[in-house]
């Protein structure tokens, strides 16, 4: 049986981070969608229905915390795991306020990024069983 391609959505205003995430996860066989703003995050995630979402905190207009809160309130996408990613020193508090499923402090190691995203999938599968 062929396993379906995993999909990842990444929201970050830093083009270099988007490029790194795309390169890393596409190399692992993922379908990766990147966006530099999150104003329409619910619409984007509802259309793509990814396996996981990475959300930067500092994004134009809405900001990552509010975008995650909106995702978690939407019945269609609220179960999709979301990881908050920021250089903010209060990342744990922000992740809690946002209801993020995980968080990763910038700058980050690529292996840790991969482990965290894979951890989201494992946690998601355990919650659904």
C-alpha atoms as a PDB file:
ATOM      1  CA  UNK A   1       0.000   0.000   0.000  1.00  0.00           C
ATOM      2  CA  UNK A   2       1.316   3.417  -0.983  1.00  0.00           C
ATOM      3  CA  UNK A   3       1.250   5.975   1.816  1.00  0.00           C
ATOM      4  CA  UNK A   4      -0.368   9.280   0.775  1.00  0.00           C
ATOM      5  CA  UNK A   5       1.894  12.280   0.375  1.00  0.00           C
ATOM      6  CA  UNK A   6       2.002  14.374   3.524  1.00  0.00           C
ATOM      7  CA  UNK A   7       1.139  18.046   3.148  1.00  0.00           C
ATOM      8  CA  UNK A   8       2.614  20.937   5.111  1.00  0.00           C
ATOM      9  CA  UNK A   9       1.600  24.607   5.176  1.00  0.00           C
ATOM     10  CA  UNK A  10       4.186  27.131   6.399  1.00  0.00           C
ATOM     11  CA  UNK A  11       3.387  30.760   7.226  1.00  0.00           C
ATOM     12  CA  UNK A  12       6.450  32.997   7.720  1.00  0.00           C
ATOM     13  CA  UNK A  13       7.374  36.470   6.485  1.00  0.00           C
ATOM     14  CA  UNK A  14      11.024  35.427   6.162  1.00  0.00           C
ATOM     15  CA  UNK A  15      11.560  34.113   2.623  1.00  0.00           C
ATOM     16  CA  UNK A  16      14.726  32.276   3.724  1.00  0.00           C
ATOM     17  CA  UNK A  17      12.797  30.279   6.356  1.00  0.00           C
ATOM     18  CA  UNK A  18      10.113  29.433   3.787  1.00  0.00           C
ATOM     19  CA  UNK A  19      12.799  28.278   1.358  1.00  0.00           C
ATOM     20  CA  UNK A  20      14.517  26.132   4.009  1.00  0.00           C
ATOM     21  CA  UNK A  21      11.236  24.527   5.109  1.00  0.00           C
ATOM     22  CA  UNK A  22      10.227  23.856   1.505  1.00  0.00           C
ATOM     23  CA  UNK A  23      13.613  22.358   0.653  1.00  0.00           C
ATOM     24  CA  UNK A  24      13.782  20.199   3.786  1.00  0.00           C
ATOM     25  CA  UNK A  25      10.279  18.767   3.668  1.00  0.00           C
ATOM     26  CA  UNK A  26      10.069  18.352  -0.106  1.00  0.00           C
ATOM     27  CA  UNK A  27      13.311  16.373   0.126  1.00  0.00           C
ATOM     28  CA  UNK A  28      11.459  14.136   2.614  1.00  0.00           C
ATOM     29  CA  UNK A  29       8.625  13.647   0.110  1.00  0.00           C
ATOM     30  CA  UNK A  30       6.162  16.195   1.471  1.00  0.00           C
ATOM     31  CA  UNK A  31       3.991  18.588  -0.525  1.00  0.00           C
ATOM     32  CA  UNK A  32       4.841  22.028   0.919  1.00  0.00           C
ATOM     33  CA  UNK A  33       2.814  25.241   0.589  1.00  0.00           C
ATOM     34  CA  UNK A  34       4.377  28.499   1.802  1.00  0.00           C
ATOM     35  CA  UNK A  35       2.821  31.885   2.562  1.00  0.00           C
ATOM     36  CA  UNK A  36       4.291  35.206   3.726  1.00  0.00           C
ATOM     37  CA  UNK A  37       1.154  36.376   5.547  1.00  0.00           C
ATOM     38  CA  UNK A  38      -1.631  34.701   7.485  1.00  0.00           C
ATOM     39  CA  UNK A  39      -4.647  36.990   7.114  1.00  0.00           C
ATOM     40  CA  UNK A  40      -6.499  34.249   5.195  1.00  0.00           C
ATOM     41  CA  UNK A  41      -4.984  31.325   7.119  1.00  0.00           C
ATOM     42  CA  UNK A  42      -8.332  29.607   7.742  1.00  0.00           C
ATOM     43  CA  UNK A  43      -9.260  29.765   4.042  1.00  0.00           C
ATOM     44  CA  UNK A  44      -5.815  28.546   2.961  1.00  0.00           C
ATOM     45  CA  UNK A  45      -5.683  25.662   5.442  1.00  0.00           C
ATOM     46  CA  UNK A  46      -9.320  24.713   4.674  1.00  0.00           C
ATOM     47  CA  UNK A  47      -8.494  24.505   0.961  1.00  0.00           C
ATOM     48  CA  UNK A  48      -5.234  22.541   1.319  1.00  0.00           C
ATOM     49  CA  UNK A  49      -6.149  20.407   4.383  1.00  0.00           C
ATOM     50  CA  UNK A  50      -2.512  19.767   5.328  1.00  0.00           C
ATOM     51  CA  UNK A  51      -1.228  17.196   7.790  1.00  0.00           C
ATOM     52  CA  UNK A  52       0.466  19.984   9.766  1.00  0.00           C
ATOM     53  CA  UNK A  53       0.922  23.758   9.865  1.00  0.00           C
ATOM     54  CA  UNK A  54       3.949  25.811  10.901  1.00  0.00           C
ATOM     55  CA  UNK A  55       3.052  29.364  11.914  1.00  0.00           C
ATOM     56  CA  UNK A  56       5.500  32.174  12.595  1.00  0.00           C
ATOM     57  CA  UNK A  57       4.464  34.605  15.324  1.00  0.00           C
ATOM     58  CA  UNK A  58       5.506  37.865  13.658  1.00  0.00           C
ATOM     59  CA  UNK A  59       3.415  38.047  10.508  1.00  0.00           C
ATOM     60  CA  UNK A  60       1.909  41.097   8.792  1.00  0.00           C
ATOM     61  CA  UNK A  61      -1.635  42.096   9.616  1.00  0.00           C
ATOM     62  CA  UNK A  62      -3.052  39.274  11.764  1.00  0.00           C
ATOM     63  CA  UNK A  63      -0.045  37.739  13.513  1.00  0.00           C
ATOM     64  CA  UNK A  64       0.560  34.080  14.236  1.00  0.00           C
ATOM     65  CA  UNK A  65      -1.151  33.825  17.637  1.00  0.00           C
ATOM     66  CA  UNK A  66      -4.446  35.198  16.330  1.00  0.00           C
ATOM     67  CA  UNK A  67      -4.197  33.101  13.155  1.00  0.00           C
ATOM     68  CA  UNK A  68      -3.707  29.913  15.216  1.00  0.00           C
ATOM     69  CA  UNK A  69      -6.637  30.854  17.462  1.00  0.00           C
ATOM     70  CA  UNK A  70      -8.805  31.239  14.363  1.00  0.00           C
ATOM     71  CA  UNK A  71      -7.663  27.876  13.015  1.00  0.00           C
ATOM     72  CA  UNK A  72      -8.420  26.178  16.338  1.00  0.00           C
ATOM     73  CA  UNK A  73     -11.939  27.699  16.416  1.00  0.00           C
ATOM     74  CA  UNK A  74     -12.817  26.521  12.901  1.00  0.00           C
ATOM     75  CA  UNK A  75     -14.618  23.160  12.900  1.00  0.00           C
ATOM     76  CA  UNK A  76     -13.127  22.064   9.556  1.00  0.00           C
ATOM     77  CA  UNK A  77      -9.458  22.568  10.464  1.00  0.00           C
ATOM     78  CA  UNK A  78      -9.226  22.692  14.271  1.00  0.00           C
ATOM     79  CA  UNK A  79      -7.799  19.170  14.535  1.00  0.00           C
ATOM     80  CA  UNK A  80      -4.903  19.895  12.163  1.00  0.00           C
ATOM     81  CA  UNK A  81      -1.773  20.198  14.337  1.00  0.00           C
ATOM     82  CA  UNK A  82      -0.150  23.627  14.365  1.00  0.00           C
ATOM     83  CA  UNK A  83       3.341  24.529  15.549  1.00  0.00           C
ATOM     84  CA  UNK A  84       4.170  28.111  16.538  1.00  0.00           C
ATOM     85  CA  UNK A  85       7.659  29.192  15.524  1.00  0.00           C
ATOM     86  CA  UNK A  86       9.227  32.414  16.848  1.00  0.00           C
ATOM     87  CA  UNK A  87      12.326  34.026  18.299  1.00  0.00           C
ATOM     88  CA  UNK A  88      10.197  35.600  21.052  1.00  0.00           C
ATOM     89  CA  UNK A  89      11.530  34.695  24.489  1.00  0.00           C
ATOM     90  CA  UNK A  90       7.981  34.051  25.751  1.00  0.00           C
ATOM     91  CA  UNK A  91       7.318  31.375  23.134  1.00  0.00           C
ATOM     92  CA  UNK A  92       5.841  28.877  25.605  1.00  0.00           C
ATOM     93  CA  UNK A  93       3.321  31.447  26.862  1.00  0.00           C
ATOM     94  CA  UNK A  94       2.433  32.548  23.319  1.00  0.00           C
ATOM     95  CA  UNK A  95       1.955  28.933  22.208  1.00  0.00           C
ATOM     96  CA  UNK A  96      -0.397  28.373  25.140  1.00  0.00           C
ATOM     97  CA  UNK A  97      -2.407  31.535  24.405  1.00  0.00           C
ATOM     98  CA  UNK A  98      -2.672  30.514  20.743  1.00  0.00           C
ATOM     99  CA  UNK A  99      -3.594  26.877  21.566  1.00  0.00           C
ATOM    100  CA  UNK A 100      -0.703  25.693  19.401  1.00  0.00           C
ATOM    101  CA  UNK A 101       0.052  21.976  19.509  1.00  0.00           C
ATOM    102  CA  UNK A 102       3.805  22.573  19.681  1.00  0.00           C
ATOM    103  CA  UNK A 103       6.363  25.352  19.442  1.00  0.00           C
ATOM    104  CA  UNK A 104       9.884  25.840  18.139  1.00  0.00           C
ATOM    105  CA  UNK A 105      12.222  28.681  19.064  1.00  0.00           C
ATOM    106  CA  UNK A 106      14.139  30.453  16.293  1.00  0.00           C
ATOM    107  CA  UNK A 107      16.892  30.018  15.350  1.00  0.00           C
ATOM    108  CA  UNK A 108      16.387  26.297  15.075  1.00  0.00           C
ATOM    109  CA  UNK A 109      18.281  23.202  14.013  1.00  0.00           C
ATOM    110  CA  UNK A 110      16.884  21.485  10.900  1.00  0.00           C
ATOM    111  CA  UNK A 111      16.872  18.087  12.605  1.00  0.00           C
ATOM    112  CA  UNK A 112      14.858  19.528  15.494  1.00  0.00           C
ATOM    113  CA  UNK A 113      12.405  21.120  13.038  1.00  0.00           C
ATOM    114  CA  UNK A 114      11.898  17.776  11.304  1.00  0.00           C
ATOM    115  CA  UNK A 115      11.492  15.951  14.655  1.00  0.00           C
ATOM    116  CA  UNK A 116       8.959  18.509  15.916  1.00  0.00           C
ATOM    117  CA  UNK A 117       6.819  18.285  12.766  1.00  0.00           C
ATOM    118  CA  UNK A 118       6.958  14.482  12.777  1.00  0.00           C
ATOM    119  CA  UNK A 119       6.058  14.606  16.478  1.00  0.00           C
ATOM    120  CA  UNK A 120       2.939  16.591  15.575  1.00  0.00           C
ATOM    121  CA  UNK A 121       1.864  13.797  13.239  1.00  0.00           C
ATOM    122  CA  UNK A 122       2.451  11.086  15.839  1.00  0.00           C
ATOM    123  CA  UNK A 123       0.558  13.082  18.474  1.00  0.00           C
ATOM    124  CA  UNK A 124      -2.269  13.697  15.979  1.00  0.00           C
ATOM    125  CA  UNK A 125      -2.531   9.980  15.119  1.00  0.00           C
ATOM    126  CA  UNK A 126      -2.620   9.027  18.818  1.00  0.00           C
ATOM    127  CA  UNK A 127      -5.391  11.560  19.494  1.00  0.00           C
ATOM    128  CA  UNK A 128      -7.484  10.193  16.615  1.00  0.00           C
ATOM    129  CA  UNK A 129      -7.171   6.521  17.629  1.00  0.00           C
END
